[in-house]
Structure formats: C-alpha cells, structure tokens
C-alpha cells in the first residue's frame, strides 16, 4: 500500500465530492444520460465515490476492482440485453473506470473504453468535473450506439440519476 494513496483517501471528504459534483452537475449528468439512452438501447449508470475504506486500501483494492464491485452492487448487469455500462469515478485516486456488461465482449475494444476514461480524466485534471462527466457520457454512448441501436419498445431498465457512494 502506498502511503500517498492512503493519505489521499484518508483526507478525502464528501464535502469535496459535493463541490466537484454539486446538485446542478448531477442533474446535467442525469439529463445527458436520459438523452443518450434515447439514441440507443443500452443502459448507462454513473457512480462517484469519494474514497475507499482503509480496509480496502490495506487489501490493495484497485479502482478497477472497486468498479467491478460497484457494477454488481448497482446491478448494472441486470439488463435484458446484457448491455449495461458503468462509469465509475474514484475521486481520491483521480481515476475513472468503465465497466461494460458481457453484451459488449468482442464488440468494443478495451482501448476504446480507455479513451473515454482518459478524456474524462483530462477534464477532471482541469477541475471541470461536470464537463468531464458529460464528455464521458457522450463518448460511452457513442460506443453503445454502434452496437445497440434504439428499439421501438425499449424500456429504461436502470436509473439515470448519478449515484454518490
């Protein structure tokens, strides 16, 4: 375990998270997800976590591993077409992870998901959290659109509202 990582997580607060993602930013992200889902039949969730618990840090849990846990916890996998995607932001690590359900296996290359993550992280580095989130939602939605076009009887299977863990 890195001492710097431990300290970043220890001193990260929910107040900082709400400064980065105030109510109006969460509403804008929700609106963008709703608009994006009208252009495809995939499902998109957006989750923000301030920091990991000390036990998780001690075990060496990576942002990717935590993203997989959150994917399961939020039941993003529970869609009819296995086409759910989670955008997971771990603020203390300044990391973005995208976890896609098995419906994307062999369709979207890991480098494509990675490019969306890096685009978001660049905006976050400039302290443009709302803009970064919207860039990410648009990039992920463009990937979903290629493989899961809109369907006439598509229903919204997952909440569009971002969640702060």
Protein backbone atom coordinates (compact mmCIF):
# COMPACT_ATOMS: atom_id res chain seq x y z
CA UNK A 1 0.00 0.00 0.00
CA UNK A 2 1.31 3.41 -0.97
CA UNK A 3 1.46 5.95 1.84
CA UNK A 4 0.45 8.75 -0.56
CA UNK A 5 -2.60 6.81 -1.72
CA UNK A 6 -3.58 6.06 1.86
CA UNK A 7 -3.32 9.76 2.80
CA UNK A 8 -5.32 10.88 -0.27
CA UNK A 9 -8.14 8.53 0.72
CA UNK A 10 -7.90 9.36 4.41
CA UNK A 11 -8.28 13.09 3.83
CA UNK A 12 -10.85 12.96 1.03
CA UNK A 13 -14.26 14.15 2.22
CA UNK A 14 -17.81 14.08 0.97
CA UNK A 15 -17.74 17.90 1.07
CA UNK A 16 -15.06 17.82 -1.63
CA UNK A 17 -17.16 15.41 -3.67
CA UNK A 18 -20.22 17.67 -3.46
CA UNK A 19 -18.05 20.62 -4.50
CA UNK A 20 -16.89 18.69 -7.56
CA UNK A 21 -20.37 17.36 -8.32
CA UNK A 22 -22.98 19.80 -6.94
CA UNK A 23 -26.69 19.22 -7.46
CA UNK A 24 -26.79 21.10 -10.78
CA UNK A 25 -23.92 18.96 -12.15
CA UNK A 26 -25.68 15.74 -11.12
CA UNK A 27 -28.85 16.99 -12.82
CA UNK A 28 -26.90 17.76 -16.01
CA UNK A 29 -25.35 14.27 -15.98
CA UNK A 30 -28.78 12.71 -15.47
CA UNK A 31 -30.20 14.76 -18.34
CA UNK A 32 -27.31 13.73 -20.62
CA UNK A 33 -27.79 10.04 -19.75
CA UNK A 34 -31.52 10.28 -20.47
CA UNK A 35 -30.86 11.98 -23.82
CA UNK A 36 -28.14 9.47 -24.73
CA UNK A 37 -30.32 6.48 -23.90
CA UNK A 38 -32.93 7.78 -26.35
CA UNK A 39 -30.36 7.16 -29.12
CA UNK A 40 -29.55 3.54 -28.20
CA UNK A 41 -30.96 0.56 -26.32
CA UNK A 42 -28.06 0.31 -23.85
CA UNK A 43 -28.19 1.25 -20.19
CA UNK A 44 -25.76 3.65 -18.57
CA UNK A 45 -25.01 4.29 -14.88
CA UNK A 46 -22.71 6.92 -13.42
CA UNK A 47 -21.24 6.40 -9.94
CA UNK A 48 -18.95 8.65 -7.93
CA UNK A 49 -17.04 7.51 -4.86
CA UNK A 50 -15.03 9.87 -2.69
CA UNK A 51 -12.54 7.37 -1.29
CA UNK A 52 -12.08 3.74 -0.33
CA UNK A 53 -12.33 2.43 3.20
CA UNK A 54 -8.97 1.79 4.95
CA UNK A 55 -9.57 -1.98 4.86
CA UNK A 56 -9.91 -1.89 1.07
CA UNK A 57 -6.74 0.17 0.79
CA UNK A 58 -4.90 -2.28 3.04
CA UNK A 59 -6.03 -5.15 0.78
CA UNK A 60 -4.76 -3.19 -2.22
CA UNK A 61 -8.13 -2.85 -3.94
CA UNK A 62 -7.61 -1.08 -7.25
CA UNK A 63 -10.07 1.35 -8.81
CA UNK A 64 -10.84 -1.32 -11.43
CA UNK A 65 -11.63 -3.92 -8.77
CA UNK A 66 -13.84 -1.45 -6.92
CA UNK A 67 -15.56 -0.52 -10.19
CA UNK A 68 -16.42 -4.20 -10.71
CA UNK A 69 -17.86 -4.36 -7.18
CA UNK A 70 -19.96 -1.24 -7.79
CA UNK A 71 -21.12 -2.66 -11.14
CA UNK A 72 -22.50 -5.68 -9.28
CA UNK A 73 -23.84 -3.66 -6.33
CA UNK A 74 -25.80 -1.31 -8.62
CA UNK A 75 -26.98 -4.31 -10.66
CA UNK A 76 -25.79 -2.81 -13.92
CA UNK A 77 -25.51 -6.39 -15.20
CA UNK A 78 -29.25 -6.86 -14.71
CA UNK A 79 -30.43 -5.79 -18.18
CA UNK A 80 -32.34 -7.83 -20.74
CA UNK A 81 -29.66 -7.49 -23.46
CA UNK A 82 -26.61 -7.55 -21.16
CA UNK A 83 -25.77 -4.06 -22.39
CA UNK A 84 -25.29 -2.09 -19.20
CA UNK A 85 -22.27 0.17 -18.75
CA UNK A 86 -20.98 1.75 -15.54
CA UNK A 87 -18.86 4.89 -15.48
CA UNK A 88 -17.15 4.76 -12.08
CA UNK A 89 -15.25 7.76 -10.71
CA UNK A 90 -12.94 7.30 -7.69
CA UNK A 91 -12.07 10.86 -6.73
CA UNK A 92 -9.28 10.16 -4.22
CA UNK A 93 -7.34 8.24 -6.88
CA UNK A 94 -8.34 10.66 -9.65
CA UNK A 95 -9.37 7.59 -11.62
CA UNK A 96 -12.20 6.73 -13.99
CA UNK A 97 -13.14 3.15 -14.80
CA UNK A 98 -15.69 1.92 -17.31
CA UNK A 99 -17.21 -1.49 -16.70
CA UNK A 100 -19.30 -2.93 -19.52
CA UNK A 101 -21.54 -5.99 -19.41
CA UNK A 102 -20.85 -9.10 -21.46
CA UNK A 103 -23.01 -7.89 -24.36
CA UNK A 104 -20.05 -5.70 -25.37
CA UNK A 105 -17.48 -8.53 -25.36
CA UNK A 106 -15.78 -8.66 -28.73
CA UNK A 107 -17.64 -5.56 -29.92
CA UNK A 108 -15.88 -2.71 -28.14
CA UNK A 109 -12.12 -2.86 -27.68
CA UNK A 110 -10.63 -2.06 -24.26
CA UNK A 111 -8.71 0.83 -25.82
CA UNK A 112 -12.00 2.46 -26.82
CA UNK A 113 -13.30 2.38 -23.25
CA UNK A 114 -9.88 3.59 -22.07
CA UNK A 115 -10.02 6.58 -24.42
CA UNK A 116 -13.32 7.65 -22.86
CA UNK A 117 -11.78 7.33 -19.37
CA UNK A 118 -8.73 9.41 -20.30
CA UNK A 119 -10.90 12.12 -21.88
CA UNK A 120 -12.83 12.43 -18.62
CA UNK A 121 -9.67 12.43 -16.53
CA UNK A 122 -8.20 15.26 -18.64
CA UNK A 123 -11.26 17.41 -17.88
CA UNK A 124 -11.17 16.43 -14.19
CA UNK A 125 -7.49 17.40 -14.05
CA UNK A 126 -8.57 20.90 -15.11
CA UNK A 127 -11.23 20.80 -12.34
CA UNK A 128 -14.02 20.69 -14.94
CA UNK A 129 -15.96 17.85 -13.32
CA UNK A 130 -19.36 18.42 -14.88
CA UNK A 131 -17.84 18.88 -18.33
CA UNK A 132 -15.68 15.80 -17.87
CA UNK A 133 -18.67 13.72 -16.85
CA UNK A 134 -20.65 14.91 -19.88
CA UNK A 135 -17.70 14.15 -22.18
CA UNK A 136 -17.59 10.65 -20.72
CA UNK A 137 -21.32 10.01 -21.06
CA UNK A 138 -21.21 11.16 -24.70
CA UNK A 139 -18.16 9.04 -25.52
CA UNK A 140 -19.58 5.92 -23.91
CA UNK A 141 -22.96 6.49 -25.54
CA UNK A 142 -21.31 6.76 -28.96
CA UNK A 143 -19.78 3.31 -28.38
CA UNK A 144 -23.11 1.89 -27.22
CA UNK A 145 -24.95 3.36 -30.25
CA UNK A 146 -22.69 1.47 -32.66
CA UNK A 147 -23.79 -1.90 -31.26
CA UNK A 148 -27.18 -1.37 -29.64
CA UNK A 149 -29.36 0.91 -31.78
CA UNK A 150 -32.64 2.18 -30.37
CA UNK A 151 -35.52 -0.27 -30.27
CA UNK A 152 -39.20 0.69 -30.51
CA UNK A 153 -40.20 -0.97 -27.24
CA UNK A 154 -37.07 -0.19 -25.28
CA UNK A 155 -37.66 0.50 -21.59
CA UNK A 156 -35.39 2.28 -19.16
CA UNK A 157 -34.10 -0.57 -17.00
CA UNK A 158 -31.71 1.36 -14.74
CA UNK A 159 -31.96 4.76 -13.02
CA UNK A 160 -30.39 7.65 -14.92
CA UNK A 161 -29.54 9.65 -11.80
CA UNK A 162 -25.83 9.54 -10.90
CA UNK A 163 -25.14 7.95 -7.55
CA UNK A 164 -22.66 9.17 -4.95
CA UNK A 165 -21.44 6.23 -2.91
